[in-house]
Amino acid sequence: MSNSNVFCPFRRKNVALTPEEYVRQNFLRQLVEQYHYPASLIAVEKALPPIQQTSGNTHRKRADAIVYSSSMLPLMIIEFKADSVPLTRKTLDQIAVYNTQLNVPYLVLHNGRETVIARVQDSQLSFLDQLPEWNQLSH
């Protein structure tokens, strides 16, 4: 992919079309078109509250995407990787750290080739074979 831009309808601006952005835009379009998620309830590159580190420093993170309920409670965190980046336990751990702040019931990892979908209940992960439709989410 060249140094081109793509319009991100979720951020309402042009952004660099990196390999990860390509994966993100295609997956989010699929969420809206195939799974009927309202585009207005998807936040992209959402800043999370600062995490206090043991050193006393604060560390700011951004979630690649967060899906909210109609009452604006976070339901799902989505982490995107370029299609050349494998989804590993480290990737899952990264999104799990974000979830310590948001406490969502769904975690999703996607790299354009594979998708990992986890349901979080009572601090336990169970893996799902497919994404839930919007009307299947508990909201």
Protein backbone atom coordinates (compact mmCIF):
# COMPACT_ATOMS: atom_id res chain seq x y z
CA MET A 1 0.00 0.00 0.00
CA SER A 2 1.29 3.40 -0.92
CA ASN A 3 1.34 6.60 1.10
CA SER A 4 -2.34 7.22 0.50
CA ASN A 5 -5.18 8.26 2.74
CA VAL A 6 -8.63 6.88 3.35
CA PHE A 7 -11.67 8.60 4.79
CA CYS A 8 -12.60 7.11 8.16
CA PRO A 9 -16.36 7.60 8.64
CA PHE A 10 -16.03 6.84 12.36
CA ARG A 11 -13.47 9.60 12.95
CA ARG A 12 -14.92 11.77 10.17
CA LYS A 13 -11.50 12.55 8.71
CA ASN A 14 -8.85 11.28 6.32
CA VAL A 15 -6.24 9.01 7.87
CA ALA A 16 -3.14 7.29 6.52
CA LEU A 17 -3.98 4.01 4.84
CA THR A 18 -1.55 1.78 6.73
CA PRO A 19 -1.92 -2.02 6.61
CA GLU A 20 -3.58 -1.92 10.06
CA GLU A 21 -5.95 0.85 8.96
CA TYR A 22 -6.96 -1.19 5.92
CA VAL A 23 -7.85 -4.10 8.23
CA ARG A 24 -9.71 -1.76 10.60
CA GLN A 25 -11.84 -0.09 7.92
CA ASN A 26 -12.85 -3.39 6.33
CA PHE A 27 -13.76 -5.00 9.65
CA LEU A 28 -15.74 -2.00 10.91
CA ARG A 29 -17.65 -1.82 7.63
CA GLN A 30 -18.49 -5.51 8.09
CA LEU A 31 -19.69 -4.84 11.67
CA VAL A 32 -22.10 -2.20 10.40
CA GLU A 33 -23.24 -3.85 7.16
CA GLN A 34 -23.33 -7.54 8.08
CA TYR A 35 -23.76 -7.56 11.86
CA HIS A 36 -25.98 -4.45 12.05
CA TYR A 37 -23.89 -2.57 14.62
CA PRO A 38 -24.85 1.14 14.65
CA ALA A 39 -21.91 3.14 13.27
CA SER A 40 -22.77 5.93 15.71
CA LEU A 41 -21.95 3.59 18.63
CA ILE A 42 -18.45 2.68 17.43
CA ALA A 43 -15.54 4.84 18.62
CA VAL A 44 -12.18 4.53 16.86
CA GLU A 45 -8.79 5.26 18.46
CA LYS A 46 -10.55 5.94 21.76
CA ALA A 47 -8.33 7.26 24.54
CA LEU A 48 -8.57 5.26 27.75
CA PRO A 49 -8.22 6.69 31.24
CA PRO A 50 -4.55 6.90 32.28
CA ILE A 51 -3.09 3.80 33.93
CA GLN A 52 -1.03 4.44 37.06
CA GLN A 53 2.18 2.42 36.85
CA THR A 54 4.10 1.06 39.80
CA SER A 55 6.88 3.58 39.03
CA GLY A 56 4.42 6.38 39.73
CA ASN A 57 4.25 7.39 36.07
CA THR A 58 0.97 7.38 34.23
CA HIS A 59 0.61 5.61 30.93
CA ARG A 60 -2.01 6.55 28.34
CA LYS A 61 -3.43 3.92 25.99
CA ARG A 62 -5.85 4.03 23.10
CA ALA A 63 -8.24 1.27 22.12
CA ASP A 64 -8.37 0.65 18.37
CA ALA A 65 -12.17 0.54 18.55
CA ILE A 66 -14.85 0.37 21.23
CA VAL A 67 -18.46 -0.59 20.60
CA TYR A 68 -20.95 1.04 22.95
CA SER A 69 -24.48 0.13 23.95
CA SER A 70 -27.32 2.49 23.12
CA SER A 71 -26.95 3.81 26.69
CA MET A 72 -23.23 4.46 25.98
CA LEU A 73 -21.84 1.65 28.13
CA PRO A 74 -18.79 -0.03 26.56
CA LEU A 75 -19.67 -3.51 25.21
CA MET A 76 -16.71 -4.55 23.09
CA ILE A 77 -13.04 -3.67 22.66
CA ILE A 78 -11.53 -4.43 19.26
CA GLU A 79 -7.79 -4.61 18.64
CA PHE A 80 -6.58 -4.56 15.04
CA LYS A 81 -3.29 -5.76 13.63
CA ALA A 82 -1.97 -5.70 10.08
CA ASP A 83 -2.55 -8.96 8.22
CA SER A 84 1.16 -9.76 8.50
CA VAL A 85 0.99 -9.65 12.32
CA PRO A 86 -0.10 -12.91 13.97
CA LEU A 87 -2.66 -12.85 16.77
CA THR A 88 -0.89 -14.14 19.87
CA ARG A 89 -1.40 -14.43 23.60
CA LYS A 90 0.53 -11.14 23.91
CA THR A 91 -2.12 -9.43 21.72
CA LEU A 92 -4.87 -10.89 23.88
CA ASP A 93 -3.06 -9.74 27.03
CA GLN A 94 -2.85 -6.20 25.57
CA ILE A 95 -6.61 -6.00 25.09
CA ALA A 96 -7.21 -7.62 28.50
CA VAL A 97 -5.27 -4.76 30.14
CA TYR A 98 -7.59 -2.29 28.41
CA ASN A 99 -10.51 -4.26 29.77
CA THR A 100 -9.38 -3.77 33.38
CA GLN A 101 -10.53 -0.18 32.86
CA LEU A 102 -13.64 -0.75 30.74
CA ASN A 103 -14.97 -4.11 31.95
CA VAL A 104 -16.64 -5.05 28.66
CA PRO A 105 -18.25 -8.43 27.98
CA TYR A 106 -16.56 -8.91 24.56
CA LEU A 107 -12.94 -8.74 23.39
CA VAL A 108 -12.13 -9.03 19.68
CA LEU A 109 -8.77 -9.35 17.92
CA HIS A 110 -8.61 -9.13 14.13
CA ASN A 111 -5.77 -9.05 11.62
CA GLY A 112 -7.61 -9.40 8.32
CA ARG A 113 -6.98 -13.14 8.13
CA GLU A 114 -8.22 -14.35 11.50
CA THR A 115 -10.49 -13.15 14.25
CA VAL A 116 -10.44 -14.08 17.91
CA ILE A 117 -13.67 -13.36 19.78
CA ALA A 118 -13.79 -13.77 23.55
CA ARG A 119 -16.74 -13.43 25.92
CA VAL A 120 -15.76 -12.22 29.41
CA GLN A 121 -17.90 -13.47 32.30
CA ASP A 122 -16.83 -13.50 35.94
CA SER A 123 -13.22 -12.75 34.89
CA GLN A 124 -13.18 -15.89 32.72
CA LEU A 125 -12.73 -15.94 28.94
CA SER A 126 -14.72 -18.20 26.68
CA PHE A 127 -13.98 -18.13 22.97
CA LEU A 128 -16.73 -17.80 20.38
CA ASP A 129 -16.80 -19.12 16.82
CA GLN A 130 -18.40 -16.00 15.40
CA LEU A 131 -19.19 -12.42 16.20
CA PRO A 132 -22.56 -11.83 17.79
CA GLU A 133 -25.07 -9.81 15.80
CA TRP A 134 -25.89 -6.42 17.31
CA ASN A 135 -29.23 -7.67 18.65
CA GLN A 136 -27.47 -10.58 20.40
CA LEU A 137 -25.27 -8.33 22.53
CA SER A 138 -26.38 -7.78 26.08
CA HIS A 139 -27.26 -4.08 26.04
